[in-house]
Amino acid sequence: MADDEPGVDADAVVSSAERSALITSTRYTTQGSAEIAGASTDLVLARYDGRLHIFTRDQDNRADLVPPPYEVNDVHDALADLLA
């Protein structure tokens, strides 16, 4: 089960996490035989205090991590959304 409650200090959770992972998805387009990198989306998973927290990049300030703008009930679903 994922925890993405608003108001959680993402930096504190990630820096104190027992385990964490950064997953980046980059969209590619093709022009002839070349692949061109497009927009990237990050998903950060952090296990802290027995709970799994999920964060994404803030759209207004990409240096900040925030809870996703959608409800996350399952990490598998969050990954599927990222890759869709």
C-alpha atoms as a PDB file:
ATOM      1  CA  MET A   1       0.000   0.000   0.000  1.00  0.00           C
ATOM      2  CA  ALA A   2       1.335   3.424  -0.876  1.00  0.00           C
ATOM      3  CA  ASP A   3       1.110   6.500   1.274  1.00  0.00           C
ATOM      4  CA  ASP A   4       0.956   9.866  -0.452  1.00  0.00           C
ATOM      5  CA  GLU A   5      -0.631  12.071   2.172  1.00  0.00           C
ATOM      6  CA  PRO A   6      -0.409  15.822   1.567  1.00  0.00           C
ATOM      7  CA  GLY A   7       1.831  17.800   3.886  1.00  0.00           C
ATOM      8  CA  VAL A   8       4.517  15.107   4.117  1.00  0.00           C
ATOM      9  CA  ASP A   9       8.030  16.602   3.900  1.00  0.00           C
ATOM     10  CA  ALA A  10       9.341  14.697   0.886  1.00  0.00           C
ATOM     11  CA  ASP A  11      12.975  15.714   1.412  1.00  0.00           C
ATOM     12  CA  ALA A  12      12.914  14.517   5.037  1.00  0.00           C
ATOM     13  CA  VAL A  13      11.249  11.219   4.087  1.00  0.00           C
ATOM     14  CA  VAL A  14      13.660  10.480   1.228  1.00  0.00           C
ATOM     15  CA  SER A  15      16.779  11.450   3.187  1.00  0.00           C
ATOM     16  CA  SER A  16      15.721   9.285   6.157  1.00  0.00           C
ATOM     17  CA  ALA A  17      14.320   6.406   4.112  1.00  0.00           C
ATOM     18  CA  GLU A  18      15.362   2.831   4.768  1.00  0.00           C
ATOM     19  CA  ARG A  19      15.212   2.302   0.997  1.00  0.00           C
ATOM     20  CA  SER A  20      14.398   4.545  -1.915  1.00  0.00           C
ATOM     21  CA  ALA A  21      14.200   4.389  -5.685  1.00  0.00           C
ATOM     22  CA  LEU A  22      14.010   6.895  -8.512  1.00  0.00           C
ATOM     23  CA  ILE A  23      12.182   5.727 -11.610  1.00  0.00           C
ATOM     24  CA  THR A  24      12.391   7.937 -14.693  1.00  0.00           C
ATOM     25  CA  SER A  25      10.286   7.495 -17.801  1.00  0.00           C
ATOM     26  CA  THR A  26      11.354   9.399 -20.927  1.00  0.00           C
ATOM     27  CA  ARG A  27       9.112   9.696 -23.962  1.00  0.00           C
ATOM     28  CA  TYR A  28      10.830   9.288 -27.316  1.00  0.00           C
ATOM     29  CA  THR A  29       9.695  10.229 -30.795  1.00  0.00           C
ATOM     30  CA  THR A  30      11.247   9.260 -34.081  1.00  0.00           C
ATOM     31  CA  GLN A  31      12.394  11.430 -36.944  1.00  0.00           C
ATOM     32  CA  GLY A  32      13.500   9.192 -39.764  1.00  0.00           C
ATOM     33  CA  SER A  33      15.856   6.693 -38.167  1.00  0.00           C
ATOM     34  CA  ALA A  34      16.709   8.940 -35.177  1.00  0.00           C
ATOM     35  CA  GLU A  35      15.070   8.742 -31.763  1.00  0.00           C
ATOM     36  CA  ILE A  36      14.539  12.100 -30.078  1.00  0.00           C
ATOM     37  CA  ALA A  37      14.202  12.293 -26.273  1.00  0.00           C
ATOM     38  CA  GLY A  38      11.156  14.207 -25.125  1.00  0.00           C
ATOM     39  CA  ALA A  39       9.638  14.923 -21.748  1.00  0.00           C
ATOM     40  CA  SER A  40      10.687  12.893 -18.701  1.00  0.00           C
ATOM     41  CA  THR A  41       8.580  11.958 -15.701  1.00  0.00           C
ATOM     42  CA  ASP A  42      10.014  10.914 -12.343  1.00  0.00           C
ATOM     43  CA  LEU A  43       8.471   8.735  -9.667  1.00  0.00           C
ATOM     44  CA  VAL A  44      10.244   8.461  -6.302  1.00  0.00           C
ATOM     45  CA  LEU A  45       9.496   5.593  -3.926  1.00  0.00           C
ATOM     46  CA  ALA A  46      10.722   5.800  -0.333  1.00  0.00           C
ATOM     47  CA  ARG A  47      10.167   3.302   2.487  1.00  0.00           C
ATOM     48  CA  TYR A  48      10.217   5.168   5.781  1.00  0.00           C
ATOM     49  CA  ASP A  49       8.923   4.101   9.180  1.00  0.00           C
ATOM     50  CA  GLY A  50       7.264   0.999   7.707  1.00  0.00           C
ATOM     51  CA  ARG A  51       5.294   2.962   5.091  1.00  0.00           C
ATOM     52  CA  LEU A  52       5.833   3.388   1.371  1.00  0.00           C
ATOM     53  CA  HIS A  53       5.728   6.999   0.200  1.00  0.00           C
ATOM     54  CA  ILE A  54       5.394   7.984  -3.446  1.00  0.00           C
ATOM     55  CA  PHE A  55       6.441  11.368  -4.815  1.00  0.00           C
ATOM     56  CA  THR A  56       6.581  13.054  -8.216  1.00  0.00           C
ATOM     57  CA  ARG A  57       8.249  16.239  -9.412  1.00  0.00           C
ATOM     58  CA  ASP A  58       6.417  19.492  -8.734  1.00  0.00           C
ATOM     59  CA  GLN A  59       5.253  20.837 -12.106  1.00  0.00           C
ATOM     60  CA  ASP A  60       6.059  24.435 -11.114  1.00  0.00           C
ATOM     61  CA  ASN A  61       9.460  23.714  -9.544  1.00  0.00           C
ATOM     62  CA  ARG A  62      11.031  20.501 -10.855  1.00  0.00           C
ATOM     63  CA  ALA A  63      13.574  20.491  -7.993  1.00  0.00           C
ATOM     64  CA  ASP A  64      10.799  19.803  -5.466  1.00  0.00           C
ATOM     65  CA  LEU A  65       9.135  16.463  -4.762  1.00  0.00           C
ATOM     66  CA  VAL A  66       5.417  16.376  -3.999  1.00  0.00           C
ATOM     67  CA  PRO A  67       2.765  13.691  -3.555  1.00  0.00           C
ATOM     68  CA  PRO A  68       1.285  12.682  -6.922  1.00  0.00           C
ATOM     69  CA  PRO A  69      -1.693  14.746  -8.116  1.00  0.00           C
ATOM     70  CA  TYR A  70      -3.768  11.556  -8.192  1.00  0.00           C
ATOM     71  CA  GLU A  71      -4.680   8.953  -5.570  1.00  0.00           C
ATOM     72  CA  VAL A  72      -2.228   6.053  -5.406  1.00  0.00           C
ATOM     73  CA  ASN A  73      -3.606   2.797  -4.069  1.00  0.00           C
ATOM     74  CA  ASP A  74      -0.992   0.459  -5.465  1.00  0.00           C
ATOM     75  CA  VAL A  75       2.621   0.853  -6.594  1.00  0.00           C
ATOM     76  CA  HIS A  76       1.942  -1.375  -9.596  1.00  0.00           C
ATOM     77  CA  ASP A  77      -0.837   0.997 -10.715  1.00  0.00           C
ATOM     78  CA  ALA A  78       1.428   4.037 -10.210  1.00  0.00           C
ATOM     79  CA  LEU A  79       4.119   2.429 -12.381  1.00  0.00           C
ATOM     80  CA  ALA A  80       1.565   1.499 -15.027  1.00  0.00           C
ATOM     81  CA  ASP A  81       0.316   5.107 -15.082  1.00  0.00           C
ATOM     82  CA  LEU A  82       3.890   6.373 -15.441  1.00  0.00           C
ATOM     83  CA  LEU A  83       4.521   4.103 -18.423  1.00  0.00           C
ATOM     84  CA  ALA A  84       1.171   4.644 -20.133  1.00  0.00           C
END
